[in-house]
Every structure is written in structure tokens, then in C-alpha cells.
C-alpha atoms as a PDB file:
ATOM      1  CA  UNK A   1      -6.265   7.499  18.021  1.00  0.00           C
ATOM      2  CA  UNK A   2      -6.865   8.338  14.368  1.00  0.00           C
ATOM      3  CA  UNK A   3      -3.728  10.504  14.262  1.00  0.00           C
ATOM      4  CA  UNK A   4      -1.641   7.733  15.814  1.00  0.00           C
ATOM      5  CA  UNK A   5      -2.941   5.238  13.254  1.00  0.00           C
ATOM      6  CA  UNK A   6      -2.174   7.637  10.409  1.00  0.00           C
ATOM      7  CA  UNK A   7       1.359   8.242  11.695  1.00  0.00           C
ATOM      8  CA  UNK A   8       1.945   4.530  12.237  1.00  0.00           C
ATOM      9  CA  UNK A   9       0.603   3.726   8.763  1.00  0.00           C
ATOM     10  CA  UNK A  10       2.785   6.457   7.224  1.00  0.00           C
ATOM     11  CA  UNK A  11       5.924   5.279   9.017  1.00  0.00           C
ATOM     12  CA  UNK A  12       5.260   1.620   8.215  1.00  0.00           C
ATOM     13  CA  UNK A  13       4.604   2.411   4.537  1.00  0.00           C
ATOM     14  CA  UNK A  14       7.738   4.551   4.396  1.00  0.00           C
ATOM     15  CA  UNK A  15       9.982   1.848   5.887  1.00  0.00           C
ATOM     16  CA  UNK A  16       8.511  -0.854   3.661  1.00  0.00           C
ATOM     17  CA  UNK A  17       9.136   1.328   0.623  1.00  0.00           C
ATOM     18  CA  UNK A  18      12.710   2.088   1.723  1.00  0.00           C
ATOM     19  CA  UNK A  19      13.359  -1.604   2.307  1.00  0.00           C
ATOM     20  CA  UNK A  20      12.002  -2.611  -1.082  1.00  0.00           C
ATOM     21  CA  UNK A  21      13.620   0.211  -3.030  1.00  0.00           C
ATOM     22  CA  UNK A  22      17.027  -0.238  -1.434  1.00  0.00           C
ATOM     23  CA  UNK A  23      17.098  -3.909  -2.454  1.00  0.00           C
ATOM     24  CA  UNK A  24      16.337  -3.381  -6.117  1.00  0.00           C
ATOM     25  CA  UNK A  25      16.430   0.007  -7.755  1.00  0.00           C
ATOM     26  CA  UNK A  26      17.945   0.020 -11.253  1.00  0.00           C
ATOM     27  CA  UNK A  27      16.774   3.597 -11.921  1.00  0.00           C
ATOM     28  CA  UNK A  28      19.291   4.848  -9.385  1.00  0.00           C
ATOM     29  CA  UNK A  29      22.119   2.451 -10.211  1.00  0.00           C
ATOM     30  CA  UNK A  30      25.416   4.288 -10.405  1.00  0.00           C
ATOM     31  CA  UNK A  31      29.050   3.766  -9.653  1.00  0.00           C
ATOM     32  CA  UNK A  32      30.649   4.823  -6.397  1.00  0.00           C
ATOM     33  CA  UNK A  33      33.770   6.173  -8.105  1.00  0.00           C
ATOM     34  CA  UNK A  34      32.861   9.720  -7.115  1.00  0.00           C
ATOM     35  CA  UNK A  35      33.465   8.979  -3.434  1.00  0.00           C
ATOM     36  CA  UNK A  36      37.083   8.134  -4.238  1.00  0.00           C
ATOM     37  CA  UNK A  37      37.567  11.291  -6.260  1.00  0.00           C
ATOM     38  CA  UNK A  38      40.135  13.664  -4.776  1.00  0.00           C
ATOM     39  CA  UNK A  39      37.760  16.569  -5.472  1.00  0.00           C
ATOM     40  CA  UNK A  40      34.931  14.981  -3.460  1.00  0.00           C
ATOM     41  CA  UNK A  41      33.036  17.393  -1.261  1.00  0.00           C
ATOM     42  CA  UNK A  42      33.921  17.750   2.407  1.00  0.00           C
ATOM     43  CA  UNK A  43      30.461  17.009   3.929  1.00  0.00           C
ATOM     44  CA  UNK A  44      30.053  13.987   1.685  1.00  0.00           C
ATOM     45  CA  UNK A  45      33.111  12.357   3.230  1.00  0.00           C
ATOM     46  CA  UNK A  46      33.181  13.742   6.764  1.00  0.00           C
ATOM     47  CA  UNK A  47      29.536  13.654   7.886  1.00  0.00           C
ATOM     48  CA  UNK A  48      27.312  10.635   8.386  1.00  0.00           C
ATOM     49  CA  UNK A  49      24.636  12.094   6.075  1.00  0.00           C
ATOM     50  CA  UNK A  50      22.555   9.073   4.914  1.00  0.00           C
ATOM     51  CA  UNK A  51      19.388   8.746   6.979  1.00  0.00           C
ATOM     52  CA  UNK A  52      15.882  10.001   7.635  1.00  0.00           C
ATOM     53  CA  UNK A  53      15.241  13.655   8.433  1.00  0.00           C
ATOM     54  CA  UNK A  54      11.996  15.176   9.765  1.00  0.00           C
ATOM     55  CA  UNK A  55      10.732  18.704  10.140  1.00  0.00           C
ATOM     56  CA  UNK A  56       7.767  21.049  10.182  1.00  0.00           C
ATOM     57  CA  UNK A  57       8.506  23.785   7.622  1.00  0.00           C
ATOM     58  CA  UNK A  58       6.613  27.131   7.601  1.00  0.00           C
ATOM     59  CA  UNK A  59       3.830  27.551   5.044  1.00  0.00           C
ATOM     60  CA  UNK A  60       2.080  30.703   3.764  1.00  0.00           C
ATOM     61  CA  UNK A  61      -1.398  29.211   3.347  1.00  0.00           C
ATOM     62  CA  UNK A  62      -1.448  26.308   5.841  1.00  0.00           C
ATOM     63  CA  UNK A  63      -0.328  25.488   9.398  1.00  0.00           C
ATOM     64  CA  UNK A  64       2.968  24.080   8.124  1.00  0.00           C
ATOM     65  CA  UNK A  65       4.516  21.462   5.877  1.00  0.00           C
ATOM     66  CA  UNK A  66       5.267  18.185   7.616  1.00  0.00           C
ATOM     67  CA  UNK A  67       8.333  16.829   5.807  1.00  0.00           C
ATOM     68  CA  UNK A  68      10.199  13.531   5.935  1.00  0.00           C
ATOM     69  CA  UNK A  69      13.291  13.188   3.735  1.00  0.00           C
ATOM     70  CA  UNK A  70      15.278   9.971   3.366  1.00  0.00           C
ATOM     71  CA  UNK A  71      18.764  10.290   1.851  1.00  0.00           C
ATOM     72  CA  UNK A  72      20.242   7.036   0.570  1.00  0.00           C
ATOM     73  CA  UNK A  73      23.917   6.180   0.038  1.00  0.00           C
ATOM     74  CA  UNK A  74      23.303   5.669  -3.693  1.00  0.00           C
ATOM     75  CA  UNK A  75      22.337   9.378  -3.997  1.00  0.00           C
ATOM     76  CA  UNK A  76      18.618   8.661  -4.281  1.00  0.00           C
ATOM     77  CA  UNK A  77      16.037  10.234  -2.013  1.00  0.00           C
ATOM     78  CA  UNK A  78      12.391  10.052  -1.045  1.00  0.00           C
ATOM     79  CA  UNK A  79      10.590  13.150   0.215  1.00  0.00           C
ATOM     80  CA  UNK A  80       7.151  12.863   1.828  1.00  0.00           C
ATOM     81  CA  UNK A  81       5.293  16.122   2.487  1.00  0.00           C
ATOM     82  CA  UNK A  82       1.890  16.990   3.883  1.00  0.00           C
ATOM     83  CA  UNK A  83       0.360  20.470   3.965  1.00  0.00           C
ATOM     84  CA  UNK A  84      -1.117  20.426   7.485  1.00  0.00           C
ATOM     85  CA  UNK A  85      -4.426  22.256   7.815  1.00  0.00           C
ATOM     86  CA  UNK A  86      -4.918  22.260   4.058  1.00  0.00           C
ATOM     87  CA  UNK A  87      -4.953  18.582   3.059  1.00  0.00           C
ATOM     88  CA  UNK A  88      -4.430  15.175   4.639  1.00  0.00           C
ATOM     89  CA  UNK A  89      -2.901  13.952   1.376  1.00  0.00           C
ATOM     90  CA  UNK A  90       0.763  13.015   1.519  1.00  0.00           C
ATOM     91  CA  UNK A  91       2.859  13.882  -1.502  1.00  0.00           C
ATOM     92  CA  UNK A  92       5.640  11.399  -2.228  1.00  0.00           C
ATOM     93  CA  UNK A  93       8.537  12.594  -4.372  1.00  0.00           C
ATOM     94  CA  UNK A  94      11.389  10.350  -5.486  1.00  0.00           C
ATOM     95  CA  UNK A  95      14.553  11.403  -7.195  1.00  0.00           C
ATOM     96  CA  UNK A  96      18.312  11.754  -7.081  1.00  0.00           C
ATOM     97  CA  UNK A  97      20.493  14.275  -5.345  1.00  0.00           C
ATOM     98  CA  UNK A  98      23.853  15.668  -6.280  1.00  0.00           C
ATOM     99  CA  UNK A  99      26.428  17.507  -4.249  1.00  0.00           C
ATOM    100  CA  UNK A 100      26.196  21.231  -4.827  1.00  0.00           C
ATOM    101  CA  UNK A 101      28.900  23.699  -5.814  1.00  0.00           C
ATOM    102  CA  UNK A 102      29.264  24.669  -2.170  1.00  0.00           C
ATOM    103  CA  UNK A 103      31.089  22.025  -0.112  1.00  0.00           C
ATOM    104  CA  UNK A 104      28.244  21.059   2.158  1.00  0.00           C
ATOM    105  CA  UNK A 105      25.100  21.367   0.057  1.00  0.00           C
ATOM    106  CA  UNK A 106      22.943  18.869  -1.795  1.00  0.00           C
ATOM    107  CA  UNK A 107      20.550  19.497  -4.673  1.00  0.00           C
ATOM    108  CA  UNK A 108      17.422  17.329  -4.891  1.00  0.00           C
ATOM    109  CA  UNK A 109      16.120  16.671  -8.403  1.00  0.00           C
ATOM    110  CA  UNK A 110      12.792  14.829  -8.600  1.00  0.00           C
ATOM    111  CA  UNK A 111      12.269  12.133 -11.224  1.00  0.00           C
ATOM    112  CA  UNK A 112       9.199  13.796 -12.715  1.00  0.00           C
ATOM    113  CA  UNK A 113      10.243  17.453 -12.587  1.00  0.00           C
ATOM    114  CA  UNK A 114      13.168  19.737 -13.255  1.00  0.00           C
ATOM    115  CA  UNK A 115      12.445  21.866 -10.167  1.00  0.00           C
ATOM    116  CA  UNK A 116      15.308  21.436  -7.733  1.00  0.00           C
ATOM    117  CA  UNK A 117      15.525  22.025  -4.010  1.00  0.00           C
ATOM    118  CA  UNK A 118      18.731  22.708  -2.067  1.00  0.00           C
ATOM    119  CA  UNK A 119      19.787  21.878   1.486  1.00  0.00           C
ATOM    120  CA  UNK A 120      22.805  22.723   3.586  1.00  0.00           C
ATOM    121  CA  UNK A 121      24.088  19.640   5.409  1.00  0.00           C
ATOM    122  CA  UNK A 122      24.980  20.031   9.063  1.00  0.00           C
ATOM    123  CA  UNK A 123      25.613  17.602  11.899  1.00  0.00           C
ATOM    124  CA  UNK A 124      22.405  15.499  12.014  1.00  0.00           C
ATOM    125  CA  UNK A 125      20.378  18.178  10.227  1.00  0.00           C
ATOM    126  CA  UNK A 126      19.497  19.650   6.849  1.00  0.00           C
ATOM    127  CA  UNK A 127      18.746  23.346   6.401  1.00  0.00           C
ATOM    128  CA  UNK A 128      16.482  24.198   3.486  1.00  0.00           C
ATOM    129  CA  UNK A 129      17.914  26.893   1.207  1.00  0.00           C
ATOM    130  CA  UNK A 130      16.112  29.323  -1.072  1.00  0.00           C
ATOM    131  CA  UNK A 131      16.002  28.973  -4.875  1.00  0.00           C
ATOM    132  CA  UNK A 132      19.383  30.730  -5.188  1.00  0.00           C
ATOM    133  CA  UNK A 133      21.124  28.397  -2.720  1.00  0.00           C
ATOM    134  CA  UNK A 134      21.178  30.936   0.121  1.00  0.00           C
ATOM    135  CA  UNK A 135      20.015  30.547   3.717  1.00  0.00           C
ATOM    136  CA  UNK A 136      16.439  31.676   4.225  1.00  0.00           C
ATOM    137  CA  UNK A 137      16.258  34.846   6.324  1.00  0.00           C
ATOM    138  CA  UNK A 138      13.546  36.432   8.420  1.00  0.00           C
ATOM    139  CA  UNK A 139      11.850  35.665  11.714  1.00  0.00           C
ATOM    140  CA  UNK A 140      11.024  32.056  10.715  1.00  0.00           C
ATOM    141  CA  UNK A 141      14.491  31.274   9.296  1.00  0.00           C
ATOM    142  CA  UNK A 142      15.369  28.835  12.083  1.00  0.00           C
ATOM    143  CA  UNK A 143      12.289  26.713  11.275  1.00  0.00           C
ATOM    144  CA  UNK A 144      13.557  25.609   7.832  1.00  0.00           C
ATOM    145  CA  UNK A 145      15.404  22.688   9.404  1.00  0.00           C
ATOM    146  CA  UNK A 146      14.979  18.935   9.060  1.00  0.00           C
ATOM    147  CA  UNK A 147      16.493  16.952  11.928  1.00  0.00           C
ATOM    148  CA  UNK A 148      17.894  13.481  11.543  1.00  0.00           C
ATOM    149  CA  UNK A 149      16.307  10.586  13.353  1.00  0.00           C
ATOM    150  CA  UNK A 150      18.138   7.395  14.002  1.00  0.00           C
ATOM    151  CA  UNK A 151      16.284   4.332  12.781  1.00  0.00           C
ATOM    152  CA  UNK A 152      16.557   2.808  16.276  1.00  0.00           C
ATOM    153  CA  UNK A 153      14.668   5.710  17.867  1.00  0.00           C
ATOM    154  CA  UNK A 154      10.945   6.241  17.488  1.00  0.00           C
ATOM    155  CA  UNK A 155       9.842   8.827  14.957  1.00  0.00           C
ATOM    156  CA  UNK A 156       8.892  12.129  16.609  1.00  0.00           C
ATOM    157  CA  UNK A 157       5.459  13.476  15.880  1.00  0.00           C
ATOM    158  CA  UNK A 158       5.281  16.684  13.882  1.00  0.00           C
ATOM    159  CA  UNK A 159       3.289  19.182  15.853  1.00  0.00           C
ATOM    160  CA  UNK A 160       2.466  22.727  14.926  1.00  0.00           C
ATOM    161  CA  UNK A 161       3.487  24.377  18.191  1.00  0.00           C
END
């Protein structure tokens, strides 16, 4: 019951924050001229990329990293992570993302840091890339994926199976 309450509280807090921040957010105010640019990236125009993505990413010193990433149309994002088995604390990161040099990648840049993170955009999924913008290899490579959830569907629980 405690886990359900925590998940419900997290989801409710997340949606309230999204609702509030999408209504008024001068920090992320920008023009939409780039979407009309003839050099605009393919994934930006052809995929329905805005939305909420969830995943359970591998971790060296914990059971896994429960991740929820919301990509907004105004190129802002919110990333909520929790290091399962290490801490119950949720880390909330806000920032902007830009389209990468490769056609279907995005680069997340947090507000309070210069450390970036890159993802490859696929159909209803994001694949986390390494620091050089390459796909992660190895036996756990297929677990570096965040899957999109429609707002109308219930949020899946992140389990460590």
C-alpha cells in the first residue's frame, strides 16, 4: 500500500507540476521559428515526440534507476530519477533540450549544470546514448530505453524484474 501511495503521490505531483509549468514558464519562452526552418531535423517533424517516457535504467551500485522524462513542445523537459535500492529520494531535473547533430537525437541540458545527456528518438521511445552520442553496447544495452506513455493510459509501475 505504501508503494502505491508513493507512486500515486509522485504521479500526481508530476502532473500538477507539468500543468502549472506549461501555463506559465518564461524561462523557457522561445520562438517556434525553428520548426519552419528548411534544415529542421527529420524526427522533430515526423515523429510525435512530445510526451512522458518511463524506464528502469541499469545502475552499477543500485537495483536500477527509475526514470520519468517529460518532453514539452517548447523544448523544455523535466526528468525525475530515483536510485532504487539506494535511496527513496527522487531527483527532479529541469532544463531545455536541443536537437542533436544527428537527425533523430536530442541533447538534454539541465538548468543548473552543464552536463548534458543524449537520447535517440524512436517511435514512442527514447534510447539513452553514451557521453559521445553513441548507442550503449553490452549485455544490458537493450535496457537503456524509456518508453512513451499516453496520458490517457495509467502509468506503468517500474519494477526491477
